[in-house]
């Protein structure tokens, strides 16, 4: 710090006034301009994030409201978890790629690529049947709008 003071004292009065004027100019003009530009870009980014969040909320609300007019999920003939899961898949027009009953109350099921809304409808139908999705994997299938999904469903005891 002493070196800065020594440098300042070595300047002539005219040079000191010129440096002071430049510093004042920066604080009076450039600092507010910089603050305005930063705030403006933040505001634009916030507006974009808000629009994305509102679109996501709209899609979630649409998914949440789908199928509420149906009273209950389809039930299987024997009431087993596997039968309820398959009945819900058939009602949602999903094609099963693989199904495996790991124990009487637990089933793993994988679907061929399908529309994500159809998958969410199936999850809701399974929930209404008294079963619960305990694990899920949903992956976009290539460049299309379809998703490949795999679930583990646990039935109520």
Protein backbone atom coordinates (compact mmCIF):
# COMPACT_ATOMS: atom_id res chain seq x y z
CA UNK A 1 0.00 0.00 0.00
CA UNK A 2 2.92 2.27 0.71
CA UNK A 3 3.99 1.91 -2.93
CA UNK A 4 0.62 3.22 -4.11
CA UNK A 5 0.92 6.27 -1.82
CA UNK A 6 4.48 6.87 -3.03
CA UNK A 7 3.31 6.68 -6.64
CA UNK A 8 0.48 9.13 -5.87
CA UNK A 9 2.80 11.61 -4.18
CA UNK A 10 5.17 11.40 -7.16
CA UNK A 11 2.42 12.67 -9.51
CA UNK A 12 2.09 16.35 -10.23
CA UNK A 13 -1.04 18.24 -9.17
CA UNK A 14 -2.36 18.16 -12.72
CA UNK A 15 -1.89 14.37 -12.99
CA UNK A 16 -3.58 13.84 -9.63
CA UNK A 17 -6.61 15.90 -10.73
CA UNK A 18 -6.77 13.96 -14.00
CA UNK A 19 -6.77 10.61 -12.14
CA UNK A 20 -9.38 11.91 -9.69
CA UNK A 21 -11.57 13.10 -12.57
CA UNK A 22 -11.30 9.70 -14.26
CA UNK A 23 -12.28 7.93 -11.02
CA UNK A 24 -15.26 10.24 -10.53
CA UNK A 25 -16.30 9.71 -14.15
CA UNK A 26 -16.20 5.94 -13.64
CA UNK A 27 -18.34 6.11 -10.49
CA UNK A 28 -20.82 8.62 -11.89
CA UNK A 29 -21.25 7.23 -15.40
CA UNK A 30 -19.80 3.78 -16.01
CA UNK A 31 -20.81 2.12 -12.74
CA UNK A 32 -24.55 2.92 -13.10
CA UNK A 33 -24.46 1.88 -16.77
CA UNK A 34 -22.84 -1.41 -15.81
CA UNK A 35 -25.42 -1.95 -13.05
CA UNK A 36 -28.27 -1.24 -15.49
CA UNK A 37 -26.92 -3.68 -18.08
CA UNK A 38 -26.47 -6.38 -15.44
CA UNK A 39 -29.97 -5.85 -14.04
CA UNK A 40 -31.49 -5.81 -17.52
CA UNK A 41 -29.89 -9.10 -18.52
CA UNK A 42 -30.93 -10.65 -15.19
CA UNK A 43 -34.50 -9.48 -15.77
CA UNK A 44 -34.60 -10.99 -19.26
CA UNK A 45 -33.21 -14.29 -17.96
CA UNK A 46 -35.76 -14.29 -15.12
CA UNK A 47 -38.59 -13.69 -17.59
CA UNK A 48 -37.41 -16.67 -19.67
CA UNK A 49 -37.19 -18.87 -16.54
CA UNK A 50 -40.68 -17.75 -15.51
CA UNK A 51 -42.12 -18.64 -18.92
CA UNK A 52 -40.48 -22.08 -18.74
CA UNK A 53 -41.79 -22.65 -15.22
CA UNK A 54 -45.31 -21.61 -16.20
CA UNK A 55 -45.25 -23.98 -19.19
CA UNK A 56 -44.04 -26.81 -16.96
CA UNK A 57 -46.77 -26.03 -14.43
CA UNK A 58 -49.37 -26.09 -17.21
CA UNK A 59 -48.14 -29.48 -18.43
CA UNK A 60 -48.10 -30.93 -14.91
CA UNK A 61 -51.62 -29.65 -14.27
CA UNK A 62 -52.75 -31.19 -17.56
CA UNK A 63 -51.19 -34.53 -16.61
CA UNK A 64 -52.69 -34.32 -13.11
CA UNK A 65 -56.20 -33.65 -14.42
CA UNK A 66 -56.18 -36.38 -17.05
CA UNK A 67 -58.35 -39.33 -16.22
CA UNK A 68 -60.10 -37.93 -13.14
CA UNK A 69 -63.41 -38.50 -14.83
CA UNK A 70 -62.78 -42.25 -14.57
CA UNK A 71 -63.98 -43.62 -11.24
CA UNK A 72 -61.35 -46.27 -10.66
CA UNK A 73 -58.51 -48.06 -12.35
CA UNK A 74 -59.25 -51.29 -14.12
CA UNK A 75 -58.96 -54.34 -11.89
CA UNK A 76 -57.47 -57.65 -12.95
CA UNK A 77 -59.44 -60.89 -12.78
CA UNK A 78 -57.55 -62.34 -9.82
CA UNK A 79 -56.75 -59.07 -8.01
CA UNK A 80 -52.99 -59.70 -8.03
CA UNK A 81 -50.53 -56.87 -8.55
CA UNK A 82 -49.50 -58.35 -11.89
CA UNK A 83 -53.12 -58.50 -13.10
CA UNK A 84 -53.84 -54.91 -11.97
CA UNK A 85 -50.67 -53.63 -13.66
CA UNK A 86 -51.48 -55.46 -16.90
CA UNK A 87 -55.11 -54.29 -16.85
CA UNK A 88 -53.98 -50.68 -16.43
CA UNK A 89 -51.49 -51.12 -19.29
CA UNK A 90 -54.16 -52.56 -21.58
CA UNK A 91 -56.58 -49.76 -20.65
CA UNK A 92 -53.90 -47.18 -21.50
CA UNK A 93 -53.09 -49.02 -24.77
CA UNK A 94 -49.45 -49.55 -23.77
CA UNK A 95 -47.37 -52.34 -25.30
CA UNK A 96 -45.52 -54.38 -22.68
CA UNK A 97 -41.93 -55.23 -23.54
CA UNK A 98 -41.26 -57.25 -20.40
CA UNK A 99 -43.02 -58.12 -17.15
CA UNK A 100 -41.54 -59.98 -14.22
CA UNK A 101 -43.16 -60.81 -10.89
CA UNK A 102 -40.32 -60.68 -8.34
CA UNK A 103 -42.62 -61.74 -5.49
CA UNK A 104 -46.42 -61.86 -4.95
CA UNK A 105 -46.60 -58.14 -4.12
CA UNK A 106 -43.89 -56.78 -6.45
CA UNK A 107 -43.79 -56.58 -10.26
CA UNK A 108 -41.25 -55.14 -12.69
CA UNK A 109 -42.64 -53.99 -16.02
CA UNK A 110 -41.09 -52.36 -19.09
CA UNK A 111 -42.99 -50.74 -21.94
CA UNK A 112 -42.20 -50.25 -25.59
CA UNK A 113 -41.67 -46.58 -26.53
CA UNK A 114 -44.89 -44.64 -26.00
CA UNK A 115 -46.14 -41.10 -25.47
CA UNK A 116 -45.15 -39.75 -22.04
CA UNK A 117 -48.71 -38.63 -21.29
CA UNK A 118 -49.89 -42.21 -21.76
CA UNK A 119 -47.21 -43.40 -19.35
CA UNK A 120 -48.32 -40.85 -16.73
CA UNK A 121 -51.94 -41.94 -17.18
CA UNK A 122 -50.84 -45.53 -16.56
CA UNK A 123 -49.01 -44.48 -13.35
CA UNK A 124 -52.18 -42.75 -12.14
CA UNK A 125 -54.31 -45.79 -12.96
CA UNK A 126 -51.92 -48.08 -11.09
CA UNK A 127 -52.13 -45.77 -8.07
CA UNK A 128 -55.92 -45.82 -8.14
CA UNK A 129 -55.85 -49.62 -8.21
CA UNK A 130 -54.13 -49.68 -4.81
CA UNK A 131 -50.62 -50.40 -6.06
CA UNK A 132 -47.70 -48.01 -5.89
CA UNK A 133 -44.80 -47.33 -8.27
CA UNK A 134 -41.71 -47.73 -6.11
CA UNK A 135 -39.06 -47.21 -8.80
CA UNK A 136 -39.23 -45.78 -12.29
CA UNK A 137 -36.95 -45.13 -15.22
CA UNK A 138 -38.26 -43.02 -18.07
CA UNK A 139 -35.88 -42.31 -20.96
CA UNK A 140 -36.51 -40.44 -24.18
CA UNK A 141 -36.44 -42.86 -27.11
CA UNK A 142 -34.09 -41.33 -29.68
CA UNK A 143 -35.02 -38.01 -31.25
CA UNK A 144 -38.76 -38.65 -31.13
CA UNK A 145 -41.33 -37.50 -28.60
CA UNK A 146 -41.70 -41.07 -27.33
CA UNK A 147 -40.24 -42.43 -24.10
CA UNK A 148 -39.19 -45.91 -23.02
CA UNK A 149 -40.24 -46.68 -19.46
CA UNK A 150 -39.50 -49.30 -16.83
CA UNK A 151 -41.20 -49.52 -13.43
CA UNK A 152 -41.24 -51.51 -10.24
CA UNK A 153 -44.73 -51.69 -8.77
CA UNK A 154 -45.55 -52.73 -5.21
CA UNK A 155 -49.04 -53.84 -4.26
CA UNK A 156 -50.86 -53.06 -1.07
CA UNK A 157 -50.65 -55.89 1.49
